[in-house]
N, C-alpha and C. Protein backbone atom coordinates (compact mmCIF):
# COMPACT_ATOMS: atom_id res chain seq x y z
N MET A 1 13.14 9.62 -10.82
CA MET A 1 11.87 10.25 -10.20
C MET A 1 12.20 10.68 -8.92
N ALA A 2 13.15 10.86 -7.79
CA ALA A 2 13.43 11.14 -7.20
C ALA A 2 13.35 13.01 -7.09
N SER A 3 13.42 13.40 -5.63
CA SER A 3 14.29 15.07 -5.94
C SER A 3 14.85 14.59 -4.29
N GLN A 4 15.64 15.95 -4.66
CA GLN A 4 17.15 15.64 -3.54
C GLN A 4 16.19 17.17 -2.82
N ASN A 5 15.76 16.56 -1.08
CA ASN A 5 16.01 18.28 -0.86
C ASN A 5 17.26 18.79 0.45
N LYS A 6 16.77 20.30 0.78
CA LYS A 6 18.28 20.70 1.27
C LYS A 6 18.48 19.98 2.79
N GLU A 7 17.49 19.44 2.92
CA GLU A 7 17.32 18.13 4.73
C GLU A 7 18.88 16.85 3.90
N GLY A 8 18.85 17.22 3.05
CA GLY A 8 19.25 16.30 3.17
C GLY A 8 18.72 14.27 2.81
N TYR A 9 17.14 15.01 2.76
CA TYR A 9 16.58 13.21 1.74
C TYR A 9 15.66 13.63 1.17
N VAL A 10 15.42 12.82 0.62
CA VAL A 10 15.54 12.25 -1.07
C VAL A 10 14.24 11.54 -0.59
N THR A 11 13.10 12.83 -2.40
CA THR A 11 11.57 12.57 -2.17
C THR A 11 11.25 12.11 -2.97
N HIS A 12 10.74 10.28 -2.97
CA HIS A 12 10.27 9.63 -4.23
C HIS A 12 8.71 9.29 -3.90
N LYS A 13 9.32 9.96 -5.26
CA LYS A 13 7.10 10.67 -5.37
C LYS A 13 7.17 8.82 -6.48
N GLY A 14 5.97 8.69 -5.72
CA GLY A 14 4.82 7.40 -6.78
C GLY A 14 4.26 7.56 -7.24
N TYR A 15 2.90 6.43 -7.59
CA TYR A 15 2.34 6.56 -8.55
C TYR A 15 0.97 7.39 -7.87
N VAL A 16 0.61 7.95 -6.67
CA VAL A 16 -0.52 8.88 -6.77
C VAL A 16 0.84 10.03 -5.37
N ASN A 17 -0.23 10.18 -5.45
CA ASN A 17 0.87 11.46 -4.88
C ASN A 17 -0.05 11.42 -3.50
N VAL A 18 -0.55 10.86 -2.27
CA VAL A 18 -0.19 10.94 -0.87
C VAL A 18 0.99 10.24 -0.55
N SER A 19 0.96 9.66 0.92
CA SER A 19 1.99 9.16 2.31
C SER A 19 1.90 7.84 1.84
N ASP A 20 2.80 6.81 1.59
CA ASP A 20 2.73 6.14 1.52
C ASP A 20 2.85 4.95 3.05
N THR A 21 2.56 5.98 4.17
CA THR A 21 1.45 5.37 4.74
C THR A 21 -0.27 4.64 4.26
N VAL A 22 -0.60 6.17 4.24
CA VAL A 22 -1.61 6.10 4.17
C VAL A 22 -2.71 4.87 3.03
N ILE A 23 -1.81 4.69 1.82
CA ILE A 23 -1.58 3.32 1.38
C ILE A 23 -1.78 2.37 1.70
N TYR A 24 -0.37 2.20 2.63
CA TYR A 24 -0.83 1.29 4.01
C TYR A 24 -1.54 0.63 5.61
N VAL A 25 -2.04 1.52 5.74
CA VAL A 25 -3.40 1.50 5.91
C VAL A 25 -4.61 0.92 5.18
N PHE A 26 -4.24 1.98 4.50
CA PHE A 26 -5.68 1.54 3.46
C PHE A 26 -5.09 -0.13 3.43
N GLY A 27 -4.28 -0.53 2.99
CA GLY A 27 -4.41 -1.56 2.77
C GLY A 27 -5.28 -2.53 4.22
N PHE A 28 -4.05 -2.22 5.02
CA PHE A 28 -4.98 -2.66 5.95
C PHE A 28 -6.55 -3.07 6.45
N VAL A 29 -7.24 -2.36 5.62
CA VAL A 29 -8.19 -1.78 6.28
C VAL A 29 -9.34 -3.08 5.31
N LEU A 30 -8.82 -2.44 3.46
CA LEU A 30 -8.57 -3.38 3.51
C LEU A 30 -9.40 -4.99 3.31
N MET A 31 -7.85 -5.67 3.99
CA MET A 31 -7.63 -6.68 3.71
C MET A 31 -9.39 -7.88 5.29
N ALA A 32 -8.88 -5.98 5.99
CA ALA A 32 -10.22 -6.37 7.72
C ALA A 32 -11.51 -6.95 7.32
N VAL A 33 -11.69 -5.47 6.01
CA VAL A 33 -12.87 -5.84 5.06
C VAL A 33 -13.83 -7.05 4.12
N GLY A 34 -12.28 -7.35 3.67
CA GLY A 34 -12.60 -8.70 2.23
C GLY A 34 -12.83 -10.61 3.41
N THR A 35 -12.18 -10.26 4.82
CA THR A 35 -12.08 -11.21 5.98
C THR A 35 -13.38 -10.91 6.72
N LEU A 36 -14.06 -10.23 6.90
CA LEU A 36 -15.73 -9.74 7.16
C LEU A 36 -16.18 -10.17 6.61
N ILE A 37 -16.12 -9.35 5.24
CA ILE A 37 -17.08 -10.41 3.96
C ILE A 37 -16.86 -11.84 4.25
N GLY A 38 -15.71 -12.11 3.89
CA GLY A 38 -15.26 -13.65 3.81
C GLY A 38 -15.98 -13.90 5.53
N ILE A 39 -16.43 -13.74 6.52
CA ILE A 39 -16.83 -14.73 7.03
C ILE A 39 -18.09 -14.45 7.70
N ALA A 40 -18.71 -13.65 6.18
CA ALA A 40 -20.79 -14.09 6.83
C ALA A 40 -20.39 -14.29 5.00
N ALA A 41 -20.15 -13.99 4.28
CA ALA A 41 -19.42 -14.94 3.24
C ALA A 41 -19.87 -17.03 3.71
N ILE A 42 -19.59 -16.96 5.00
CA ILE A 42 -19.02 -18.96 4.91
C ILE A 42 -21.02 -18.84 6.13
N LYS A 43 -21.20 -18.68 6.45
CA LYS A 43 -22.52 -18.14 7.11
C LYS A 43 -23.73 -17.85 6.07
N MET A 44 -23.66 -17.54 5.28
CA MET A 44 -24.67 -17.33 3.66
C MET A 44 -24.28 -18.13 2.90
N THR A 45 -22.71 -19.22 2.68
CA THR A 45 -23.37 -20.03 1.87
C THR A 45 -23.20 -20.14 0.79
N SER A 46 -22.13 -18.18 -0.33
CA SER A 46 -22.23 -18.29 -0.48
C SER A 46 -21.44 -18.23 -2.01
N GLN A 47 -20.93 -18.19 -2.79
CA GLN A 47 -18.92 -18.29 -3.46
C GLN A 47 -19.24 -17.43 -3.62
N ALA A 48 -20.76 -15.74 -4.29
CA ALA A 48 -19.87 -15.18 -5.53
C ALA A 48 -19.46 -14.33 -3.84
N VAL A 49 -19.96 -14.09 -3.06
CA VAL A 49 -19.79 -12.35 -2.15
C VAL A 49 -17.69 -13.11 -1.80
N MET A 50 -17.98 -15.30 -1.24
CA MET A 50 -16.78 -15.13 -1.09
C MET A 50 -16.05 -14.78 -1.90
N ALA A 51 -16.20 -14.89 -2.70
CA ALA A 51 -14.69 -14.15 -3.68
C ALA A 51 -15.15 -13.11 -4.12
N ALA A 52 -15.69 -12.65 -4.01
CA ALA A 52 -15.86 -10.86 -3.62
C ALA A 52 -15.38 -10.52 -1.62
N GLY A 53 -14.92 -11.50 -1.41
CA GLY A 53 -14.31 -11.80 -0.08
C GLY A 53 -12.96 -11.10 -0.21
N LEU A 54 -12.35 -12.46 -0.39
CA LEU A 54 -11.18 -13.31 -1.87
C LEU A 54 -10.59 -11.46 -2.04
N GLY A 55 -11.40 -10.87 -3.40
CA GLY A 55 -11.07 -9.71 -4.55
C GLY A 55 -10.19 -9.09 -3.21
N LEU A 56 -10.88 -8.32 -2.17
CA LEU A 56 -10.29 -7.43 -1.39
C LEU A 56 -9.60 -7.88 -0.40
N LEU A 57 -8.80 -8.97 0.10
CA LEU A 57 -8.19 -9.04 0.95
C LEU A 57 -6.87 -9.70 0.39
N TRP A 58 -7.19 -9.68 -1.19
CA TRP A 58 -5.92 -9.67 -2.03
C TRP A 58 -5.14 -8.30 -2.09
N ILE A 59 -6.83 -7.29 -3.13
CA ILE A 59 -6.06 -6.39 -2.87
C ILE A 59 -5.27 -5.49 -1.51
N GLY A 60 -6.49 -5.96 -0.49
CA GLY A 60 -5.41 -5.08 0.71
C GLY A 60 -3.82 -5.42 0.49
N ILE A 61 -3.76 -6.71 0.93
CA ILE A 61 -2.04 -7.22 0.48
C ILE A 61 -1.11 -6.80 -0.44
N LEU A 62 -1.84 -6.34 -1.59
CA LEU A 62 -1.18 -6.66 -2.35
C LEU A 62 -1.11 -4.36 -2.85
N LEU A 63 -2.09 -3.76 -1.66
CA LEU A 63 -1.44 -2.81 -1.54
C LEU A 63 -0.45 -2.10 -0.76
N VAL A 64 -0.73 -3.03 0.34
CA VAL A 64 -0.06 -3.34 1.81
C VAL A 64 1.91 -3.51 1.39
N TRP A 65 1.97 -4.27 0.20
CA TRP A 65 3.08 -4.95 -0.32
C TRP A 65 3.34 -3.76 -1.13
N PHE A 66 3.39 -3.58 -1.97
CA PHE A 66 3.37 -2.07 -2.82
C PHE A 66 3.21 -0.37 -2.53
N SER A 67 2.86 -0.64 -1.03
CA SER A 67 2.57 0.49 -0.40
C SER A 67 4.62 2.55 -1.33
N GLY A 68 5.06 1.45 -0.72
CA GLY A 68 6.26 2.13 -0.52
C GLY A 68 6.79 2.58 -2.28
N VAL A 69 5.96 1.99 -3.32
CA VAL A 69 5.65 2.10 -5.35
C VAL A 69 4.62 3.32 -5.23
N ILE A 70 3.63 2.93 -4.06
CA ILE A 70 2.84 3.76 -4.63
C ILE A 70 2.36 4.93 -4.66
N GLY A 71 3.13 5.59 -3.40
CA GLY A 71 2.74 6.27 -2.57
C GLY A 71 4.24 6.52 -2.26
N ASN A 72 4.26 8.81 -1.94
CA ASN A 72 5.18 8.78 -1.45
C ASN A 72 6.69 8.70 -0.65
N LYS A 73 7.36 8.61 -0.72
CA LYS A 73 7.66 8.32 0.66
C LYS A 73 8.85 9.20 0.73
N VAL A 74 9.77 9.28 1.79
CA VAL A 74 10.97 10.06 2.00
C VAL A 74 11.91 9.09 2.74
N ILE A 75 13.66 9.70 2.15
CA ILE A 75 14.32 8.48 2.28
C ILE A 75 15.18 9.14 2.66
N PRO A 76 16.08 8.55 3.50
CA PRO A 76 16.90 10.15 4.57
C PRO A 76 18.11 9.16 3.95
N GLU A 77 19.51 10.03 3.89
CA GLU A 77 20.41 10.53 3.43
C GLU A 77 21.08 9.14 3.49
N GLY A 78 21.74 8.54 2.67
CA GLY A 78 22.60 7.12 3.07
C GLY A 78 22.06 5.37 2.49
N PHE A 79 20.60 5.69 2.95
CA PHE A 79 19.27 4.11 2.59
C PHE A 79 18.56 4.91 0.74
N ALA A 80 19.52 6.02 -0.23
CA ALA A 80 19.06 6.01 -1.39
C ALA A 80 20.41 6.19 -2.43
N SER A 81 20.43 5.32 -3.27
CA SER A 81 21.53 5.87 -4.36
C SER A 81 22.05 7.23 -4.37
N GLN A 82 22.98 8.08 -3.76
CA GLN A 82 23.62 9.32 -4.01
C GLN A 82 24.59 9.63 -5.97
N LYS A 83 24.20 10.32 -6.06
CA LYS A 83 25.77 10.40 -7.47
C LYS A 83 26.35 11.37 -6.33
N GLN A 84 27.94 11.08 -6.70
CA GLN A 84 28.95 11.47 -6.39
C GLN A 84 29.13 12.86 -6.94
N LYS A 85 28.99 13.58 -6.52
CA LYS A 85 29.69 15.00 -6.95
C LYS A 85 31.58 14.92 -7.40
């Protein structure tokens, strides 16, 4: 899945063809939205809205944790396993 560039970097191709940083930031945005929905659900005393907020929160957490697997990233030489010629 990884390919070698001319500069000595290895490009890890993720499941989505965007940078892992974009996935990371999007995960934090989902975490913030989920938290705000949870705060609104406390004031509304609604279990369904709270469940939706918690769902968004956990989707955001999982996106942040696995952003390197989901998105593309460039790995400097020495951090990736290389075949010896």
